Amino acid sequence: MKRAEVVLSLAAVAGATAYLTGSPAGALVAAMMMAHYALARLGFTPDVRIVRELPARGMEKEPVKAKIEVTNESNMGGTLHIAETSEKLFARGLKIPLRPGERKYLEQTIVPQSKGRVRPKARAVFEDPLGLFRKEFPVEEHGEMTVLPSLRSIREAMRERHQVEALAEAEKALGVGAEVLDFEELREFLPGDDISKIDWKATSRLQTIIVRVFKRETLSDIYILVNVDGKFRREIKRGKIDYLVLIITQLTAYFRKFGHTVRVVAYDDAGVVGVIEHAADPLIVTSKLDLREEKGLPPLRPASPSPASSIGKLALKLRRGSTATGIVKAAMGIEPGAYVVMVDDLGLHPGEIIKAARILRRKGNKAVLIYPNPILFADRKGLGERELESLYTAYRERKRVMRKVMGWINVIEVGPGDVLPKVVRRL
């Protein structure tokens, strides 16, 4: 029970007792208590301004400092309580004593709990010195914070040697560097390994399947092509952008771990928007790509893989100055003989992906497409029969288009279950 409620309850009890006993003193005490409460309530007119500013960037599970400016613009003192209410941020509550007209500058330690774009949300409550009355004030938040995977978590993940389907398939599809006869190490058998590489003596001795690993012939250049167009960044359910940031970070870290030169090419529907040469730091790569959620629903039904009509090509040329789309221009800029990993939704422009794959094949490049299927990211809980049927129809159409695209490029379809628990173990 709040203190104000306690005072009112005591006044009511005193008044009832005075009435039943006919005591003037009891009635006077009850009247004085009610008068004190009324005067205190009328005098409770706080006016507090709270401004909080977070850093533009932070790392998951790593503490950052937020700057807070508190101004008491009233003529009464009290205590200000500030508590963080966002589930993506953790911060201990602040208890700030304020005198009339006082201004304070404070720092608050905040620990981001998840990756992606985070909007802070705090609750501030001012309390009078006696604790009788409270009033809530808005907290002016300046900006939002981009939370990246922490360097510590990436390093810890890179120490693990577990194979995972998504990246194992990408590596196998690319065939990055031919194996030579120079022996490198023994390790446990993992999905996708060649059974001819099993070391039977070590397997018998250790009672688990062991394979021989040989050194690679070359350290080839790796190009990671990422679609940053607004249509690709639309989400059915929040979280797809976090998955994209994670998988791009881990692709970069994985290939850099084995000494490959990694270049990241960002493109949209119109052309190439940026190239990151010698991408050594995965955190810098994801920061420069600046992947943000785009408003609106992603297209679930796939586009036709057939080439555009003559009228469509003319419209593209008038709008962009060229009939070539961003992914085709990105493919044209790849050096011959390099390995290419595309991260794109084949449902958006399957015909352009096929065209880019044909260009890469002519130049002697080996390529693979990592395809985050937006339907796999949809939250199917609470959907009716019609919505589920619509999702299923779109999924079947995408599968049909995917089979056509796979005639030109290896496609690895991924969803949230493939990206987080599996790719993390891979690194």
Protein backbone atom coordinates (compact mmCIF):
# COMPACT_ATOMS: atom_id res chain seq x y z
CA MET A 1 0.00 0.00 0.00
CA LYS A 2 1.29 3.47 -0.90
CA ARG A 3 2.02 5.98 1.83
CA ALA A 4 -0.70 8.34 0.62
CA GLU A 5 -3.23 5.51 0.91
CA VAL A 6 -1.99 4.77 4.44
CA VAL A 7 -2.55 8.42 5.50
CA LEU A 8 -6.07 8.44 4.05
CA SER A 9 -6.88 5.13 5.73
CA LEU A 10 -5.67 6.42 9.11
CA ALA A 11 -7.73 9.62 8.71
CA ALA A 12 -10.81 7.55 7.88
CA VAL A 13 -10.26 5.29 10.91
CA ALA A 14 -9.75 8.31 13.18
CA GLY A 15 -12.91 9.97 11.84
CA ALA A 16 -14.98 6.79 12.30
CA THR A 17 -13.66 6.31 15.84
CA ALA A 18 -14.48 9.95 16.75
CA TYR A 19 -18.00 9.54 15.35
CA LEU A 20 -18.69 6.34 17.27
CA THR A 21 -17.23 7.56 20.57
CA GLY A 22 -18.39 11.18 20.23
CA SER A 23 -14.83 12.39 20.82
CA PRO A 24 -14.10 15.97 19.59
CA ALA A 25 -10.34 15.31 19.88
CA GLY A 26 -10.56 12.33 17.52
CA ALA A 27 -12.52 14.38 15.01
CA LEU A 28 -9.93 17.16 15.21
CA VAL A 29 -7.07 14.68 14.56
CA ALA A 30 -8.90 13.24 11.53
CA ALA A 31 -9.56 16.75 10.18
CA MET A 32 -5.89 17.73 10.62
CA MET A 33 -4.73 14.61 8.83
CA MET A 34 -7.08 15.27 5.88
CA ALA A 35 -5.98 18.93 5.77
CA HIS A 36 -2.31 17.88 5.75
CA TYR A 37 -2.96 15.45 2.91
CA ALA A 38 -4.89 18.06 0.89
CA LEU A 39 -2.20 20.73 1.33
CA ALA A 40 0.57 18.26 0.44
CA ARG A 41 -1.34 17.15 -2.66
CA LEU A 42 -1.93 20.71 -3.82
CA GLY A 43 1.74 21.54 -3.29
CA PHE A 44 2.97 18.55 -5.29
CA THR A 45 3.70 20.21 -8.65
CA PRO A 46 6.98 18.73 -9.89
CA ASP A 47 8.45 19.52 -13.30
CA VAL A 48 11.43 17.37 -14.30
CA ARG A 49 13.15 17.02 -17.69
CA ILE A 50 15.19 13.90 -18.42
CA VAL A 51 17.36 13.54 -21.54
CA ARG A 52 19.29 10.34 -22.23
CA GLU A 53 21.79 9.77 -25.07
CA LEU A 54 23.17 6.35 -26.01
CA PRO A 55 26.25 5.69 -28.14
CA ALA A 56 25.56 5.00 -31.81
CA ARG A 57 27.18 1.57 -31.70
CA GLY A 58 27.66 -1.17 -29.15
CA MET A 59 28.43 -4.87 -28.88
CA GLU A 60 26.23 -7.67 -27.61
CA LYS A 61 26.68 -8.39 -23.87
CA GLU A 62 29.34 -5.63 -23.65
CA PRO A 63 28.57 -2.66 -21.32
CA VAL A 64 28.30 0.85 -22.76
CA LYS A 65 27.83 4.22 -21.07
CA ALA A 66 24.72 6.32 -21.61
CA LYS A 67 24.75 10.03 -20.74
CA ILE A 68 21.78 11.37 -18.77
CA GLU A 69 20.89 15.01 -18.09
CA VAL A 70 18.30 15.61 -15.35
CA THR A 71 16.85 19.06 -14.71
CA ASN A 72 14.47 19.83 -11.84
CA GLU A 73 12.54 22.83 -13.16
CA SER A 74 10.24 23.06 -10.12
CA ASN A 75 10.65 24.61 -6.65
CA MET A 76 10.31 21.34 -4.76
CA GLY A 77 12.80 18.58 -4.02
CA GLY A 78 12.39 14.85 -4.15
CA THR A 79 13.79 11.64 -5.59
CA LEU A 80 13.81 10.60 -9.26
CA HIS A 81 13.71 6.89 -10.18
CA ILE A 82 14.82 5.85 -13.71
CA ALA A 83 14.29 2.26 -14.92
CA GLU A 84 15.00 0.68 -18.35
CA THR A 85 11.94 -1.04 -19.84
CA SER A 86 13.31 -2.30 -23.19
CA GLU A 87 13.78 -6.09 -23.30
CA LYS A 88 16.82 -5.67 -25.56
CA LEU A 89 18.75 -3.60 -22.99
CA PHE A 90 19.70 -4.28 -19.38
CA ALA A 91 20.44 -1.45 -16.93
CA ARG A 92 20.21 -1.14 -13.18
CA GLY A 93 17.67 1.36 -11.93
CA LEU A 94 18.89 4.81 -10.87
CA LYS A 95 17.77 6.64 -7.72
CA ILE A 96 18.61 10.34 -7.99
CA PRO A 97 17.95 12.85 -5.15
CA LEU A 98 17.07 16.28 -6.53
CA ARG A 99 16.94 19.70 -4.89
CA PRO A 100 14.72 22.51 -6.21
CA GLY A 101 16.10 23.89 -9.50
CA GLU A 102 19.01 21.42 -9.53
CA ARG A 103 20.58 20.05 -12.73
CA LYS A 104 22.62 16.82 -12.75
CA TYR A 105 24.75 15.03 -15.36
CA LEU A 106 24.98 11.28 -14.89
CA GLU A 107 26.23 8.14 -16.60
CA GLN A 108 24.29 4.89 -16.76
CA THR A 109 25.82 1.52 -17.61
CA ILE A 110 23.75 -0.33 -20.19
CA VAL A 111 24.33 -3.88 -21.46
CA PRO A 112 22.76 -4.73 -24.87
CA GLN A 113 21.12 -8.17 -24.80
CA SER A 114 20.64 -8.82 -28.53
CA LYS A 115 22.01 -7.77 -31.91
CA GLY A 116 20.42 -5.39 -34.38
CA ARG A 117 18.92 -1.92 -34.15
CA VAL A 118 17.80 -1.20 -30.58
CA ARG A 119 15.48 1.59 -29.49
CA PRO A 120 15.94 2.44 -25.79
CA LYS A 121 12.88 2.95 -23.63
CA ALA A 122 13.10 4.16 -20.03
CA ARG A 123 10.55 5.05 -17.35
CA ALA A 124 11.12 7.95 -14.94
CA VAL A 125 9.09 8.55 -11.76
CA PHE A 126 9.50 11.56 -9.41
CA GLU A 127 8.64 11.06 -5.70
CA ASP A 128 8.18 13.72 -3.04
CA PRO A 129 10.49 13.68 0.06
CA LEU A 130 7.85 11.97 2.22
CA GLY A 131 7.08 9.33 -0.36
CA LEU A 132 3.41 10.29 -0.46
CA PHE A 133 3.00 11.26 -4.10
CA ARG A 134 4.51 10.18 -7.40
CA LYS A 135 4.43 11.48 -10.94
CA GLU A 136 5.77 9.86 -14.12
CA PHE A 137 7.78 11.88 -16.65
CA PRO A 138 8.84 10.96 -20.21
CA VAL A 139 12.51 10.26 -20.93
CA GLU A 140 13.73 12.00 -24.08
CA GLU A 141 15.77 9.37 -25.94
CA HIS A 142 18.24 10.66 -28.51
CA GLY A 143 18.88 8.16 -31.30
CA GLU A 144 18.97 4.38 -31.42
CA MET A 145 21.91 2.01 -31.05
CA THR A 146 23.30 -0.53 -33.53
CA VAL A 147 24.33 -3.63 -31.58
CA LEU A 148 26.92 -5.87 -33.26
CA PRO A 149 28.07 -9.37 -32.30
CA SER A 150 30.80 -9.05 -29.69
CA LEU A 151 34.38 -9.71 -30.70
CA ARG A 152 34.73 -12.09 -27.76
CA SER A 153 31.81 -14.24 -28.90
CA ILE A 154 33.17 -14.37 -32.44
CA ARG A 155 36.62 -15.41 -31.23
CA GLU A 156 35.16 -18.08 -28.97
CA ALA A 157 33.00 -19.37 -31.79
CA MET A 158 35.96 -19.47 -34.16
CA ARG A 159 37.82 -21.84 -31.81
CA GLU A 160 35.19 -24.54 -32.31
CA ARG A 161 35.65 -27.07 -35.10
CA HIS A 162 32.12 -28.42 -35.52
CA GLN A 163 30.80 -28.73 -39.07
CA VAL A 164 27.43 -27.18 -39.86
CA GLU A 165 25.20 -27.85 -42.85
CA ALA A 166 24.87 -24.24 -44.11
CA LEU A 167 28.56 -23.30 -44.28
CA ALA A 168 29.67 -26.86 -44.97
CA GLU A 169 27.42 -26.89 -48.02
CA ALA A 170 28.73 -23.49 -49.11
CA GLU A 171 32.34 -24.62 -48.78
CA LYS A 172 31.66 -27.90 -50.56
CA ALA A 173 29.73 -26.19 -53.36
CA LEU A 174 32.55 -23.70 -53.90
CA GLY A 175 35.36 -26.23 -53.57
CA VAL A 176 37.60 -23.49 -52.19
CA GLY A 177 41.14 -24.60 -53.01
CA ALA A 178 41.99 -28.11 -54.15
CA GLU A 179 43.41 -30.52 -51.59
CA VAL A 180 47.06 -31.62 -51.87
CA LEU A 181 48.84 -34.57 -50.27
CA ASP A 182 50.31 -32.51 -47.41
CA PHE A 183 48.69 -33.82 -44.23
CA GLU A 184 47.35 -31.15 -41.85
CA GLU A 185 45.43 -32.77 -38.96
CA LEU A 186 43.05 -35.45 -37.67
CA ARG A 187 39.58 -34.54 -36.49
CA GLU A 188 36.15 -36.07 -35.87
CA PHE A 189 33.97 -36.97 -38.85
CA LEU A 190 31.40 -34.27 -39.59
CA PRO A 191 28.41 -34.07 -41.97
CA GLY A 192 29.58 -33.56 -45.56
CA ASP A 193 33.02 -35.18 -45.09
CA ASP A 194 34.34 -37.59 -47.71
CA ILE A 195 34.18 -41.14 -46.29
CA SER A 196 37.35 -42.03 -48.21
CA LYS A 197 39.26 -39.72 -45.82
CA ILE A 198 38.38 -41.84 -42.73
CA ASP A 199 41.44 -42.91 -40.72
CA TRP A 200 40.41 -46.39 -39.58
CA LYS A 201 43.33 -46.90 -37.18
CA ALA A 202 42.56 -43.69 -35.29
CA THR A 203 38.84 -44.52 -35.43
CA SER A 204 39.46 -47.92 -33.81
CA ARG A 205 41.72 -46.44 -31.16
CA LEU A 206 39.46 -43.54 -30.15
CA GLN A 207 36.12 -45.34 -30.68
CA THR A 208 34.79 -42.46 -32.80
CA ILE A 209 35.00 -41.80 -36.54
CA ILE A 210 38.16 -39.80 -37.36
CA VAL A 211 39.05 -38.30 -40.75
CA ARG A 212 42.32 -37.05 -42.21
CA VAL A 213 42.42 -33.39 -43.26
CA PHE A 214 44.81 -32.25 -45.99
CA LYS A 215 46.06 -28.77 -46.76
CA ARG A 216 44.48 -26.68 -49.45
CA GLU A 217 46.38 -25.88 -52.63
CA THR A 218 45.62 -22.15 -52.83
CA LEU A 219 44.21 -19.33 -50.76
CA SER A 220 41.67 -18.01 -53.22
CA ASP A 221 39.89 -14.68 -53.25
CA ILE A 222 36.36 -14.80 -51.83
CA TYR A 223 33.67 -12.35 -52.89
CA ILE A 224 30.58 -12.03 -50.69
CA LEU A 225 27.75 -10.37 -52.63
CA VAL A 226 25.02 -8.97 -50.38
CA ASN A 227 21.67 -7.59 -51.49
CA VAL A 228 20.95 -4.43 -49.45
CA ASP A 229 17.84 -3.39 -51.39
CA GLY A 230 14.79 -2.33 -49.39
CA LYS A 231 12.64 -5.22 -50.64
CA PHE A 232 15.16 -7.75 -49.34
CA ARG A 233 15.26 -6.04 -45.91
CA ARG A 234 11.52 -6.23 -45.31
CA GLU A 235 10.47 -8.59 -42.52
CA ILE A 236 7.38 -10.69 -41.83
CA LYS A 237 8.61 -11.23 -38.28
CA ARG A 238 11.30 -9.20 -36.52
CA GLY A 239 14.62 -10.99 -36.48
CA LYS A 240 15.52 -11.57 -40.14
CA ILE A 241 17.94 -8.62 -40.19
CA ASP A 242 19.66 -10.02 -37.09
CA TYR A 243 20.12 -13.32 -38.91
CA LEU A 244 21.55 -11.57 -41.97
CA VAL A 245 24.04 -9.61 -39.84
CA LEU A 246 25.05 -12.80 -38.06
CA ILE A 247 25.57 -14.93 -41.17
CA ILE A 248 27.52 -12.19 -43.01
CA THR A 249 29.72 -11.70 -39.94
CA GLN A 250 30.41 -15.40 -39.71
CA LEU A 251 31.05 -15.86 -43.42
CA THR A 252 33.65 -13.10 -43.28
CA ALA A 253 35.25 -14.44 -40.10
CA TYR A 254 35.28 -18.02 -41.38
CA PHE A 255 37.06 -17.32 -44.67
CA ARG A 256 39.47 -14.87 -43.03
CA LYS A 257 40.31 -17.52 -40.44
CA PHE A 258 41.80 -19.71 -43.17
CA GLY A 259 43.74 -16.87 -44.79
CA HIS A 260 41.50 -16.02 -47.76
CA THR A 261 41.23 -12.48 -49.06
CA VAL A 262 37.60 -11.46 -48.58
CA ARG A 263 35.85 -8.70 -50.49
CA VAL A 264 32.25 -7.70 -49.77
CA VAL A 265 30.12 -6.17 -52.53
CA ALA A 266 26.81 -4.52 -51.60
CA TYR A 267 24.21 -4.00 -54.32
CA ASP A 268 20.59 -2.97 -54.66
CA ASP A 269 18.14 -3.27 -57.51
CA ALA A 270 19.77 -0.48 -59.50
CA GLY A 271 23.50 -1.16 -59.13
CA VAL A 272 26.51 -1.64 -56.88
CA VAL A 273 26.32 0.66 -53.86
CA GLY A 274 29.59 -0.20 -52.12
CA VAL A 275 32.67 -2.43 -52.11
CA ILE A 276 34.64 -3.35 -48.97
CA GLU A 277 38.15 -4.36 -50.01
CA HIS A 278 40.15 -6.74 -47.81
CA ALA A 279 37.34 -7.22 -45.30
CA ALA A 280 39.40 -8.28 -42.27
CA ASP A 281 37.13 -7.24 -39.38
CA PRO A 282 33.61 -8.75 -39.53
CA LEU A 283 32.27 -6.05 -37.21
CA ILE A 284 33.45 -3.27 -39.53
CA VAL A 285 31.87 -5.11 -42.49
CA THR A 286 28.43 -5.31 -40.89
CA SER A 287 28.72 -1.73 -39.66
CA LYS A 288 29.47 -0.44 -43.19
CA LEU A 289 26.65 -2.47 -44.71
CA ASP A 290 24.29 -0.85 -42.15
CA LEU A 291 21.50 -3.39 -42.65
CA ARG A 292 18.27 -1.99 -41.26
CA GLU A 293 14.73 -3.25 -41.21
CA GLU A 294 12.61 -1.81 -44.00
CA LYS A 295 8.93 -1.09 -43.43
CA GLY A 296 6.44 -3.21 -45.32
CA LEU A 297 5.96 -6.91 -46.01
CA PRO A 298 8.39 -8.81 -48.25
CA PRO A 299 7.02 -10.28 -51.50
CA LEU A 300 6.12 -13.90 -50.71
CA ARG A 301 5.16 -14.97 -54.23
CA PRO A 302 8.30 -15.34 -56.38
CA ALA A 303 8.86 -13.37 -59.55
CA SER A 304 9.06 -15.16 -62.88
CA PRO A 305 12.52 -16.46 -63.87
CA SER A 306 11.76 -15.62 -67.51
CA PRO A 307 13.70 -12.71 -69.06
CA ALA A 308 12.03 -9.31 -69.12
CA SER A 309 10.05 -8.33 -72.21
CA SER A 310 11.27 -5.74 -74.68
CA ILE A 311 8.99 -3.14 -73.11
CA GLY A 312 10.29 -4.03 -69.65
CA LYS A 313 13.90 -3.71 -70.80
CA LEU A 314 13.14 -0.32 -72.38
CA ALA A 315 11.53 0.86 -69.12
CA LEU A 316 14.60 -0.28 -67.15
CA LYS A 317 16.93 1.53 -69.53
CA LEU A 318 14.93 4.75 -69.27
CA ARG A 319 14.78 4.56 -65.46
CA ARG A 320 18.36 3.48 -64.72
CA GLY A 321 20.28 4.22 -67.91
CA SER A 322 20.99 0.49 -68.33
CA THR A 323 19.10 -2.79 -68.53
CA ALA A 324 21.56 -4.45 -66.13
CA THR A 325 20.37 -4.85 -62.54
CA GLY A 326 22.51 -4.54 -59.41
CA ILE A 327 23.31 -8.23 -59.07
CA VAL A 328 24.36 -8.46 -62.72
CA LYS A 329 26.62 -5.41 -62.37
CA ALA A 330 28.12 -6.93 -59.22
CA ALA A 331 28.81 -10.21 -61.06
CA MET A 332 30.45 -8.34 -63.95
CA GLY A 333 32.92 -6.75 -61.52
CA ILE A 334 34.18 -10.06 -60.06
CA GLU A 335 37.71 -11.09 -60.98
CA PRO A 336 37.91 -14.28 -63.09
CA GLY A 337 38.66 -17.43 -61.09
CA ALA A 338 37.50 -16.06 -57.72
CA TYR A 339 34.93 -17.75 -55.51
CA VAL A 340 31.57 -16.04 -54.95
CA VAL A 341 29.01 -16.32 -52.12
CA MET A 342 25.74 -14.51 -52.81
CA VAL A 343 23.31 -13.62 -50.00
CA ASP A 344 19.99 -12.84 -51.65
CA ASP A 345 16.32 -13.81 -51.93
CA LEU A 346 15.93 -15.71 -55.19
CA GLY A 347 12.20 -15.00 -55.15
CA LEU A 348 12.81 -11.30 -55.82
CA HIS A 349 14.60 -11.66 -59.16
CA PRO A 350 15.34 -15.28 -60.11
CA GLY A 351 15.95 -14.35 -63.74
CA GLU A 352 18.65 -11.84 -62.75
CA ILE A 353 20.29 -14.37 -60.41
CA ILE A 354 20.44 -16.86 -63.30
CA LYS A 355 21.91 -14.16 -65.54
CA ALA A 356 24.56 -13.31 -62.93
CA ALA A 357 25.36 -17.03 -62.45
CA ARG A 358 25.86 -17.44 -66.21
CA ILE A 359 28.24 -14.47 -66.27
CA LEU A 360 30.24 -15.92 -63.39
CA ARG A 361 30.35 -19.35 -65.03
CA ARG A 362 31.71 -17.87 -68.28
CA LYS A 363 34.48 -16.15 -66.32
CA GLY A 364 35.47 -19.36 -64.53
CA ASN A 365 34.07 -18.36 -61.12
CA LYS A 366 32.52 -20.86 -58.74
CA ALA A 367 29.46 -19.48 -56.99
CA VAL A 368 26.89 -20.43 -54.36
CA LEU A 369 23.70 -18.65 -53.29
CA ILE A 370 22.70 -18.48 -49.61
CA TYR A 371 18.97 -17.95 -49.78
CA PRO A 372 17.13 -16.74 -46.61
CA ASN A 373 13.59 -17.80 -47.43
CA PRO A 374 11.23 -15.16 -45.92
CA ILE A 375 8.48 -17.77 -45.48
CA LEU A 376 10.71 -19.72 -43.08
CA PHE A 377 11.01 -16.57 -40.94
CA ALA A 378 7.23 -16.14 -40.71
CA ASP A 379 5.49 -16.66 -37.37
CA ARG A 380 2.80 -19.23 -38.17
CA LYS A 381 1.21 -19.14 -34.71
CA GLY A 382 -2.26 -17.68 -34.69
CA LEU A 383 -2.71 -17.80 -38.48
CA GLY A 384 -6.02 -18.92 -39.91
CA GLU A 385 -6.56 -21.52 -42.63
CA ARG A 386 -6.55 -18.93 -45.40
CA GLU A 387 -3.26 -17.35 -44.29
CA LEU A 388 -1.60 -20.76 -43.88
CA GLU A 389 -2.81 -21.85 -47.31
CA SER A 390 -1.44 -18.64 -48.82
CA LEU A 391 1.95 -19.24 -47.17
CA TYR A 392 2.02 -22.84 -48.36
CA THR A 393 1.15 -21.84 -51.93
CA ALA A 394 3.92 -19.23 -51.95
CA TYR A 395 6.36 -21.78 -50.51
CA ARG A 396 5.55 -24.31 -53.26
CA GLU A 397 5.99 -21.65 -55.95
CA ARG A 398 9.34 -20.65 -54.46
CA LYS A 399 10.46 -24.30 -54.44
CA ARG A 400 9.56 -24.59 -58.12
CA VAL A 401 11.54 -21.45 -58.97
CA MET A 402 14.42 -22.61 -56.76
CA ARG A 403 14.76 -25.82 -58.80
CA LYS A 404 15.11 -23.75 -61.98
CA VAL A 405 17.73 -21.50 -60.41
CA MET A 406 19.68 -24.52 -59.13
CA GLY A 407 20.31 -25.48 -62.75
CA TRP A 408 22.76 -22.57 -62.85
CA ILE A 409 24.01 -22.07 -59.30
CA ASN A 410 24.14 -24.08 -56.07
CA VAL A 411 21.42 -22.80 -53.71
CA ILE A 412 21.46 -23.20 -49.91
CA GLU A 413 18.04 -22.37 -48.46
CA VAL A 414 18.29 -21.19 -44.84
CA GLY A 415 15.88 -20.20 -42.12
CA PRO A 416 16.33 -19.15 -38.49
CA GLY A 417 16.91 -22.75 -37.44
CA ASP A 418 19.81 -23.11 -39.90
CA VAL A 419 21.48 -19.80 -39.16
CA LEU A 420 21.70 -19.40 -35.40
CA PRO A 421 22.22 -22.77 -33.71
CA LYS A 422 24.14 -24.34 -36.60
CA VAL A 423 26.30 -21.59 -38.04
CA VAL A 424 27.41 -20.55 -34.55
CA ARG A 425 28.68 -24.08 -33.91
CA ARG A 426 30.43 -24.03 -37.29
CA LEU A 427 32.66 -21.15 -36.21
